[in-house]
Amino acid sequence: MLNTLYTWIFRLALPLILLRLWWRGRRQPAYRRRWRERCGRVPARASRAPLIWVHSVSVGETLAAVPVIEALAARHSDWQWLVTTTTPTGSERVQSALRPLLGGRLLHYYLPYDLPECLNPFLDALRPTALVIIETELWPNLLAVCARRDIPTLLANARLSEKSARGYARVPRLTGRMLASLTRVVAQYPADAERFVALGMPAERVTACGNIKFDLEIDLGLASEAQALAHRWHGGGSRPRPVWLAASTHAGEDELVLDAFARVRRDRPELADLLLVLVPRHPQRFDSVARLCRERGLKVLRRSSGGQPQLSHQVLLGDTMGELLRFYGACDVAFVGGSLVPVGGHNMIEPAAWCVPVVCGPHLYNFATVAQLLREAGGLSVVEDAAQLAAQLTQWLSDDDARRAAGERARAVAEANSGALQRLLAEIELLMD
């Protein structure tokens, strides 16, 4: 009964959902394209080869999925791959990261809306063998339709914060039915696994194998690119210019970052030439963040211009896609956003893997265990406001030994917690068998 009510509410809301999609297309035209895919209308697949369907919501989940797909594709040359996303930025990442790897073995579409009339034509056309959902993207009808068709489903690298668990617990019947439709949950940590079991997932179908994002591999090519970038940003003088990267920032957070930047440059003359590399989380905010910087009297260079920052530039705006990982390898200190505002934080494993000390705000429930590990080791500092952020930056940028030691401790945590990827691969291969 509750599932039927959910379905009808979704149907009634669909015109508003489509209108919102069209509205977002004002700034990101890609949202106004490929609507048929969101309604489940895609060409029929001719091949009868096994098709493993991976759903990765947006950029972060797609980046996590890439090494999984890469490893399995090398082991199973007969498998085909269907990768779905919900955002244009996620779609771009699929095309740039996976198309060169998989070629004709890759199918990519937007995930259909969670309605039977959208999902059934999609599954009829593509006939997936199994579904792997990256992290926690649970849709009641999607899981129910797959269960009815005997398509096994696995929730991979699953995380479930206390806040999210409380939300699911408010609709126990709907949540219980969703979890009953899942074949397997491979959670990041025991605490995540325990929350799934508390919500009704049978314990024998839940395991914890660690966070696959710790299995980040920095190859020689990427390391070389980051080194070249660092040389350009730091300058070729006898005293390297300090570089602070503020990554994945959200609305309301950029102002705090710029407040901290002003404090550091005002209070510490030796850091007056500090370069701020500011990377907003969402592309539609690039222009507004650039205006915000200029309104504060800062000279901004946009990364998309292709130019090299001069001493006269105080801010380099990261308005390109797919470069954040190498940016982490070129900076001295990294602030990871979505944490000074109540978003839940973003991936701080990437700077840690580069031996870069990390600063975050207090809102870290999306990466609670990772943050705890890094903080206990001394590789992560958690701050409450712009004043504390400026103080921590000043401490690390003024003391090379302390900064390097914090970076080494962060990298040690990343290395000590690797290995989850191989455990997840084994779970997926069992699912396909």
Protein backbone atom coordinates (compact mmCIF):
# COMPACT_ATOMS: atom_id res chain seq x y z
CA MET A 1 0.00 0.00 0.00
CA LEU A 2 2.76 2.45 0.98
CA ASN A 3 4.72 1.65 -2.18
CA THR A 4 1.60 2.36 -4.27
CA LEU A 5 1.15 5.70 -2.50
CA TYR A 6 4.83 6.55 -3.13
CA THR A 7 4.43 5.69 -6.82
CA TRP A 8 1.37 7.87 -7.27
CA ILE A 9 2.96 10.80 -5.45
CA PHE A 10 5.94 10.45 -7.80
CA ARG A 11 3.63 10.40 -10.84
CA LEU A 12 1.81 13.51 -9.69
CA ALA A 13 5.12 15.26 -9.01
CA LEU A 14 6.65 14.35 -12.37
CA PRO A 15 5.52 17.55 -14.19
CA LEU A 16 7.20 19.60 -11.45
CA ILE A 17 10.33 17.44 -11.68
CA LEU A 18 10.50 17.98 -15.45
CA LEU A 19 9.91 21.71 -14.98
CA ARG A 20 12.78 21.85 -12.47
CA LEU A 21 14.98 20.02 -14.97
CA TRP A 22 14.12 22.58 -17.65
CA TRP A 23 14.78 25.42 -15.15
CA ARG A 24 18.21 24.07 -14.27
CA GLY A 25 18.91 23.96 -17.98
CA ARG A 26 19.06 27.76 -18.03
CA ARG A 27 22.57 27.58 -16.55
CA GLN A 28 23.46 24.04 -17.58
CA PRO A 29 21.94 23.34 -21.01
CA ALA A 30 22.78 19.64 -20.67
CA TYR A 31 19.83 19.27 -18.30
CA ARG A 32 17.50 20.01 -21.22
CA ARG A 33 18.88 17.18 -23.32
CA ARG A 34 18.33 13.40 -23.38
CA TRP A 35 14.97 13.54 -21.61
CA ARG A 36 13.87 10.29 -23.29
CA GLU A 37 16.51 8.40 -21.32
CA ARG A 38 15.06 9.68 -18.04
CA CYS A 39 11.73 8.25 -19.15
CA GLY A 40 13.33 4.88 -19.93
CA ARG A 41 13.25 5.15 -23.74
CA VAL A 42 16.57 3.80 -25.04
CA PRO A 43 17.59 1.66 -28.05
CA ALA A 44 17.36 -2.09 -27.60
CA ARG A 45 20.64 -3.89 -26.99
CA ALA A 46 21.42 -6.45 -29.68
CA SER A 47 24.16 -8.34 -27.85
CA ARG A 48 23.43 -11.31 -25.60
CA ALA A 49 26.66 -10.87 -23.60
CA PRO A 50 26.44 -10.47 -19.81
CA LEU A 51 25.65 -6.85 -18.99
CA ILE A 52 26.66 -5.48 -15.61
CA TRP A 53 24.78 -2.32 -14.73
CA VAL A 54 26.58 0.20 -12.51
CA HIS A 55 24.66 3.20 -11.19
CA SER A 56 26.79 6.13 -10.01
CA VAL A 57 24.77 9.24 -9.19
CA SER A 58 27.27 11.97 -10.07
CA VAL A 59 30.98 12.76 -10.24
CA GLY A 60 32.09 11.44 -6.85
CA GLU A 61 30.37 8.08 -7.25
CA THR A 62 31.60 7.76 -10.84
CA LEU A 63 35.20 8.36 -9.77
CA ALA A 64 34.76 5.63 -7.14
CA ALA A 65 33.30 3.28 -9.76
CA VAL A 66 36.10 3.71 -12.31
CA PRO A 67 38.72 1.47 -10.62
CA VAL A 68 36.03 -1.16 -9.94
CA ILE A 69 34.99 -1.25 -13.57
CA GLU A 70 38.58 -1.08 -14.81
CA ALA A 71 39.63 -4.10 -12.74
CA LEU A 72 36.59 -6.21 -13.62
CA ALA A 73 36.73 -5.30 -17.31
CA ALA A 74 40.33 -6.55 -17.43
CA ARG A 75 39.33 -9.86 -15.82
CA HIS A 76 36.13 -10.41 -17.84
CA SER A 77 36.56 -9.38 -21.44
CA ASP A 78 33.14 -10.85 -22.35
CA TRP A 79 31.19 -8.55 -20.02
CA GLN A 80 29.46 -5.47 -21.31
CA TRP A 81 28.86 -2.42 -19.13
CA LEU A 82 25.88 -0.15 -18.59
CA VAL A 83 26.68 2.93 -16.49
CA THR A 84 23.88 5.29 -15.45
CA THR A 85 24.12 8.68 -13.76
CA THR A 86 21.60 11.36 -12.83
CA THR A 87 23.65 14.52 -13.53
CA PRO A 88 25.34 15.91 -16.64
CA THR A 89 28.64 16.27 -14.76
CA GLY A 90 28.49 12.59 -13.86
CA SER A 91 27.72 11.81 -17.49
CA GLU A 92 30.75 13.78 -18.65
CA ARG A 93 32.95 11.87 -16.21
CA VAL A 94 31.66 8.53 -17.53
CA GLN A 95 32.48 9.52 -21.09
CA SER A 96 35.95 10.87 -20.32
CA ALA A 97 37.06 8.15 -17.89
CA LEU A 98 35.33 5.01 -19.14
CA ARG A 99 34.78 5.45 -22.89
CA PRO A 100 38.54 5.20 -23.68
CA LEU A 101 38.77 2.16 -21.42
CA LEU A 102 35.71 0.21 -22.60
CA GLY A 103 35.00 1.49 -26.10
CA GLY A 104 32.10 -0.41 -27.63
CA ARG A 105 31.56 -2.41 -24.44
CA LEU A 106 30.11 0.67 -22.71
CA LEU A 107 26.50 1.81 -22.73
CA HIS A 108 25.72 5.03 -20.90
CA TYR A 109 22.36 6.63 -20.12
CA TYR A 110 20.68 8.69 -17.44
CA LEU A 111 18.88 6.65 -14.79
CA PRO A 112 15.14 6.47 -15.56
CA TYR A 113 12.70 8.01 -13.12
CA ASP A 114 11.60 5.66 -10.35
CA LEU A 115 8.30 4.70 -11.97
CA PRO A 116 7.39 1.27 -13.41
CA GLU A 117 6.39 2.85 -16.74
CA CYS A 118 9.92 4.28 -17.04
CA LEU A 119 11.90 1.38 -15.58
CA ASN A 120 10.24 -1.52 -17.40
CA PRO A 121 10.93 -0.29 -20.98
CA PHE A 122 14.50 0.47 -19.93
CA LEU A 123 15.06 -3.05 -18.61
CA ASP A 124 13.24 -4.63 -21.56
CA ALA A 125 15.59 -2.86 -23.97
CA LEU A 126 18.88 -3.52 -22.16
CA ARG A 127 18.38 -6.80 -20.20
CA PRO A 128 21.06 -6.27 -17.49
CA THR A 129 22.47 -9.31 -15.72
CA ALA A 130 23.11 -7.58 -12.39
CA LEU A 131 22.90 -4.12 -10.85
CA VAL A 132 25.66 -2.54 -8.73
CA ILE A 133 24.71 0.74 -7.00
CA ILE A 134 27.66 2.84 -5.83
CA GLU A 135 27.29 4.16 -2.27
CA THR A 136 23.69 4.78 -1.14
CA GLU A 137 21.15 5.57 -3.84
CA LEU A 138 18.03 3.58 -2.96
CA TRP A 139 14.92 3.82 -5.14
CA PRO A 140 11.91 1.65 -4.10
CA ASN A 141 10.53 0.85 -7.57
CA LEU A 142 13.96 0.29 -9.11
CA LEU A 143 14.80 -2.35 -6.52
CA ALA A 144 11.32 -3.90 -6.67
CA VAL A 145 11.35 -4.19 -10.48
CA CYS A 146 14.82 -5.76 -10.42
CA ALA A 147 13.68 -8.25 -7.76
CA ARG A 148 10.65 -9.26 -9.83
CA ARG A 149 12.93 -9.87 -12.82
CA ASP A 150 15.47 -11.85 -10.75
CA ILE A 151 18.18 -9.28 -11.41
CA PRO A 152 20.55 -9.45 -8.41
CA THR A 153 21.37 -6.08 -6.86
CA LEU A 154 24.39 -5.07 -4.78
CA LEU A 155 24.91 -1.84 -2.86
CA ALA A 156 28.66 -1.20 -3.14
CA ASN A 157 30.87 0.94 -0.90
CA ALA A 158 27.68 1.68 0.98
CA ARG A 159 27.64 4.33 3.67
CA LEU A 160 24.75 5.16 5.95
CA SER A 161 25.15 8.05 8.36
CA GLU A 162 23.16 8.31 11.57
CA LYS A 163 21.21 11.19 10.03
CA SER A 164 20.28 9.17 6.92
CA ALA A 165 19.40 6.12 9.01
CA ARG A 166 16.98 8.21 11.08
CA GLY A 167 15.35 9.41 7.85
CA TYR A 168 14.86 5.88 6.54
CA ALA A 169 13.55 4.75 9.95
CA ARG A 170 10.65 7.22 9.65
CA VAL A 171 9.16 5.07 6.84
CA PRO A 172 9.93 1.56 8.13
CA ARG A 173 7.61 -0.35 5.79
CA LEU A 174 8.93 1.33 2.65
CA THR A 175 12.53 0.99 3.85
CA GLY A 176 12.04 -2.65 4.82
CA ARG A 177 10.66 -3.49 1.40
CA MET A 178 13.58 -1.76 -0.34
CA LEU A 179 16.16 -3.58 1.75
CA ALA A 180 14.38 -6.91 1.24
CA SER A 181 14.79 -6.40 -2.52
CA LEU A 182 18.56 -5.98 -2.22
CA THR A 183 20.65 -9.09 -2.75
CA ARG A 184 23.75 -7.84 -0.94
CA VAL A 185 25.06 -4.75 0.88
CA VAL A 186 28.82 -4.25 0.93
CA ALA A 187 29.20 -1.45 3.46
CA GLN A 188 32.24 0.68 4.09
CA TYR A 189 32.55 0.15 7.85
CA PRO A 190 30.95 -1.96 10.60
CA ALA A 191 28.97 1.06 11.85
CA ASP A 192 27.40 1.45 8.39
CA ALA A 193 26.62 -2.29 8.26
CA GLU A 194 25.01 -2.18 11.71
CA ARG A 195 22.71 0.67 10.64
CA PHE A 196 21.52 -1.33 7.61
CA VAL A 197 20.80 -4.34 9.84
CA ALA A 198 18.97 -2.12 12.36
CA LEU A 199 16.72 -0.93 9.51
CA GLY A 200 15.78 -4.53 8.65
CA MET A 201 18.44 -5.82 6.24
CA PRO A 202 19.20 -9.49 7.10
CA ALA A 203 22.63 -9.59 8.75
CA GLU A 204 23.82 -12.49 6.58
CA ARG A 205 23.40 -10.32 3.48
CA VAL A 206 25.51 -7.44 4.85
CA THR A 207 29.28 -7.21 5.06
CA ALA A 208 31.81 -4.42 5.64
CA CYS A 209 34.98 -4.31 3.56
CA GLY A 210 36.32 -0.76 3.98
CA ASN A 211 36.17 2.31 1.75
CA ILE A 212 37.33 1.66 -1.81
CA LYS A 213 38.31 5.34 -2.12
CA PHE A 214 41.37 4.47 -0.03
CA ASP A 215 42.56 2.33 -2.96
CA LEU A 216 43.38 5.43 -4.98
CA GLU A 217 46.37 4.84 -7.26
CA ILE A 218 48.44 7.83 -8.35
CA ASP A 219 50.27 6.75 -11.50
CA LEU A 220 53.49 8.27 -12.80
CA GLY A 221 51.69 10.26 -15.48
CA LEU A 222 49.37 11.94 -12.99
CA ALA A 223 52.23 12.57 -10.56
CA SER A 224 54.23 14.20 -13.34
CA GLU A 225 51.30 16.45 -14.31
CA ALA A 226 50.81 17.51 -10.68
CA GLN A 227 54.51 18.25 -10.30
CA ALA A 228 54.50 20.45 -13.39
CA LEU A 229 51.41 22.25 -12.11
CA ALA A 230 53.03 22.79 -8.71
CA HIS A 231 56.10 24.30 -10.36
CA ARG A 232 53.95 26.82 -12.24
CA TRP A 233 51.83 27.72 -9.22
CA HIS A 234 54.72 28.05 -6.77
CA GLY A 235 56.84 30.04 -9.19
CA GLY A 236 60.48 29.56 -10.04
CA GLY A 237 61.95 31.94 -7.45
CA SER A 238 64.20 31.13 -4.49
CA ARG A 239 61.16 31.26 -2.19
CA PRO A 240 58.24 29.17 -3.49
CA ARG A 241 54.87 30.88 -3.40
CA PRO A 242 52.54 29.11 -0.91
CA VAL A 243 49.44 27.53 -2.44
CA TRP A 244 46.17 26.80 -0.65
CA LEU A 245 43.51 24.71 -2.39
CA ALA A 246 39.88 25.13 -1.30
CA ALA A 247 38.08 22.27 -3.04
CA SER A 248 34.42 21.38 -3.61
CA THR A 249 33.06 24.49 -1.93
CA HIS A 250 29.34 25.21 -1.64
CA ALA A 251 27.22 28.36 -1.46
CA GLY A 252 27.83 30.08 1.86
CA GLU A 253 31.24 28.46 2.17
CA ASP A 254 33.11 30.55 -0.40
CA GLU A 255 32.56 33.65 1.74
CA LEU A 256 34.13 31.91 4.76
CA VAL A 257 37.07 30.74 2.64
CA LEU A 258 37.66 34.28 1.36
CA ASP A 259 37.37 35.66 4.91
CA ALA A 260 40.08 33.24 6.06
CA PHE A 261 42.22 34.08 3.02
CA ALA A 262 42.01 37.80 3.85
CA ARG A 263 42.95 37.16 7.49
CA VAL A 264 46.04 35.13 6.59
CA ARG A 265 47.31 37.70 4.09
CA ARG A 266 46.58 40.62 6.45
CA ASP A 267 48.04 39.15 9.64
CA ARG A 268 51.09 37.37 8.24
CA PRO A 269 53.16 39.52 5.84
CA GLU A 270 55.31 36.55 4.86
CA LEU A 271 52.14 34.89 3.48
CA ALA A 272 50.86 37.96 1.63
CA ASP A 273 51.62 36.30 -1.71
CA LEU A 274 49.51 33.22 -0.86
CA LEU A 275 47.71 31.82 -3.94
CA LEU A 276 44.17 30.56 -3.34
CA VAL A 277 43.02 27.89 -5.79
CA LEU A 278 39.25 27.94 -5.35
CA VAL A 279 37.20 25.09 -6.88
CA PRO A 280 33.40 25.33 -6.45
CA ARG A 281 31.59 22.01 -6.28
CA HIS A 282 29.03 22.78 -8.98
CA PRO A 283 29.82 24.23 -12.44
CA GLN A 284 26.76 26.50 -12.44
CA ARG A 285 28.39 28.48 -9.62
CA PHE A 286 31.66 29.26 -11.41
CA ASP A 287 30.53 32.70 -12.63
CA SER A 288 28.98 33.77 -9.32
CA VAL A 289 32.08 32.75 -7.34
CA ALA A 290 34.30 34.66 -9.78
CA ARG A 291 32.12 37.76 -9.21
CA LEU A 292 32.30 37.26 -5.45
CA CYS A 293 36.10 37.28 -5.57
CA ARG A 294 36.22 40.39 -7.72
CA GLU A 295 33.76 42.20 -5.45
CA ARG A 296 36.30 41.69 -2.67
CA GLY A 297 39.00 43.37 -4.72
CA LEU A 298 40.80 40.17 -5.65
CA LYS A 299 42.34 39.62 -9.06
CA VAL A 300 41.06 36.30 -10.42
CA LEU A 301 42.45 34.05 -13.13
CA ARG A 302 40.11 31.39 -14.45
CA ARG A 303 41.70 28.01 -15.05
CA SER A 304 39.69 27.61 -18.25
CA SER A 305 41.56 30.58 -19.75
CA GLY A 306 44.68 28.45 -19.99
CA GLY A 307 46.89 31.16 -18.50
CA GLN A 308 49.46 30.80 -15.75
CA PRO A 309 48.81 32.64 -12.47
CA GLN A 310 51.13 35.60 -11.92
CA LEU A 311 52.03 37.20 -8.59
CA SER A 312 49.37 39.81 -9.34
CA HIS A 313 46.69 37.06 -9.24
CA GLN A 314 45.45 36.25 -5.76
CA VAL A 315 42.86 33.64 -6.81
CA LEU A 316 42.93 30.88 -9.42
CA LEU A 317 39.35 29.76 -10.02
CA GLY A 318 39.14 26.06 -10.85
CA ASP A 319 36.36 26.24 -13.42
CA THR A 320 37.32 23.08 -15.36
CA MET A 321 36.18 19.51 -14.84
CA GLY A 322 38.24 16.44 -14.01
CA GLU A 323 41.33 18.22 -12.66
CA LEU A 324 40.77 18.23 -8.91
CA LEU A 325 42.90 15.15 -8.22
CA ARG A 326 45.99 16.69 -9.82
CA PHE A 327 45.22 19.99 -8.06
CA TYR A 328 45.56 18.17 -4.74
CA GLY A 329 49.01 17.04 -5.83
CA ALA A 330 50.10 20.61 -6.58
CA CYS A 331 49.05 22.42 -3.38
CA ASP A 332 50.57 22.82 0.09
CA VAL A 333 47.39 22.60 2.18
CA ALA A 334 43.88 21.51 1.18
CA PHE A 335 40.52 22.56 2.55
CA VAL A 336 37.78 20.08 1.57
CA GLY A 337 34.38 21.74 1.32
CA GLY A 338 30.82 20.81 2.05
CA SER A 339 31.97 20.84 5.68
CA LEU A 340 31.68 24.45 6.88
CA VAL A 341 28.06 24.28 5.73
CA PRO A 342 25.77 21.33 6.60
CA VAL A 343 26.35 19.27 3.44
CA GLY A 344 28.21 16.41 5.12
CA GLY A 345 31.68 16.82 3.65
CA HIS A 346 33.45 15.47 0.58
CA ASN A 347 36.29 13.07 -0.11
CA MET A 348 39.35 13.98 1.99
CA ILE A 349 41.15 10.76 1.04
CA GLU A 350 42.42 12.31 -2.21
CA PRO A 351 44.58 15.02 -0.61
CA ALA A 352 45.72 12.52 2.03
CA ALA A 353 46.97 10.18 -0.71
CA TRP A 354 49.11 13.07 -2.03
CA CYS A 355 50.67 13.62 1.42
CA VAL A 356 48.81 16.93 1.79
CA PRO A 357 47.44 17.96 5.21
CA VAL A 358 43.69 18.51 5.25
CA VAL A 359 41.40 21.10 6.87
CA CYS A 360 37.63 20.63 7.09
CA GLY A 361 34.66 22.17 8.83
CA PRO A 362 32.61 20.27 11.45
CA HIS A 363 29.93 18.86 9.09
CA LEU A 364 31.53 15.53 8.14
CA TYR A 365 28.78 12.93 8.53
CA ASN A 366 29.23 11.65 4.95
CA PHE A 367 32.83 10.74 5.75
CA ALA A 368 32.60 10.32 9.52
CA THR A 369 34.90 7.28 9.84
CA VAL A 370 37.46 8.60 7.36
CA ALA A 371 37.52 11.94 9.17
CA GLN A 372 37.96 10.21 12.52
CA LEU A 373 40.91 8.14 11.24
CA LEU A 374 42.64 11.17 9.73
CA ARG A 375 41.95 13.39 12.72
CA GLU A 376 43.24 10.86 15.25
CA ALA A 377 46.43 10.46 13.20
CA GLY A 378 46.99 14.23 13.01
CA GLY A 379 46.52 14.55 9.25
CA LEU A 380 43.19 16.40 9.47
CA SER A 381 42.29 19.55 11.38
CA VAL A 382 38.61 20.33 11.97
CA VAL A 383 37.72 24.03 12.30
CA GLU A 384 34.48 25.79 13.20
CA ASP A 385 34.72 29.11 11.36
CA ALA A 386 36.84 31.43 9.21
CA ALA A 387 39.00 32.54 12.14
CA GLN A 388 39.98 28.97 13.06
CA LEU A 389 40.50 28.14 9.39
CA ALA A 390 42.91 31.08 9.03
CA ALA A 391 44.76 30.06 12.20
CA GLN A 392 45.29 26.48 10.99
CA LEU A 393 46.41 27.63 7.55
CA THR A 394 48.87 30.04 9.13
CA GLN A 395 50.27 27.31 11.36
CA TRP A 396 50.92 24.86 8.53
CA LEU A 397 52.03 27.38 5.90
CA SER A 398 54.47 29.01 8.32
CA ASP A 399 56.06 25.75 9.48
CA ASP A 400 57.28 23.48 6.66
CA ASP A 401 58.25 20.67 9.04
CA ALA A 402 54.87 20.63 10.79
CA ARG A 403 53.03 20.73 7.45
CA ARG A 404 55.07 17.88 5.97
CA ALA A 405 54.64 15.78 9.12
CA ALA A 406 50.86 16.25 9.02
CA GLY A 407 50.86 15.30 5.33
CA GLU A 408 52.87 12.15 6.04
CA ARG A 409 50.42 11.15 8.77
CA ALA A 410 47.51 11.67 6.37
CA ARG A 411 49.16 9.51 3.72
CA ALA A 412 49.93 6.79 6.26
CA VAL A 413 46.20 6.55 7.04
CA ALA A 414 45.36 6.28 3.33
CA GLU A 415 47.91 3.50 2.83
CA ALA A 416 46.93 1.58 5.97
CA ASN A 417 43.26 1.44 4.95
CA SER A 418 43.68 0.26 1.36
CA GLY A 419 42.55 -3.18 0.21
CA ALA A 420 38.78 -2.71 0.12
CA LEU A 421 38.72 -2.73 -3.68
CA GLN A 422 39.80 -6.37 -4.01
CA ARG A 423 37.21 -7.45 -1.45
CA LEU A 424 34.48 -5.61 -3.33
CA LEU A 425 35.55 -7.14 -6.66
CA ALA A 426 35.15 -10.60 -5.18
CA GLU A 427 31.63 -9.74 -3.97
CA ILE A 428 30.61 -8.50 -7.43
CA GLU A 429 32.00 -11.60 -9.14
CA LEU A 430 29.98 -13.78 -6.76
CA LEU A 431 26.91 -11.73 -7.63
CA MET A 432 27.46 -12.32 -11.34
CA ASP A 433 27.98 -16.05 -10.77
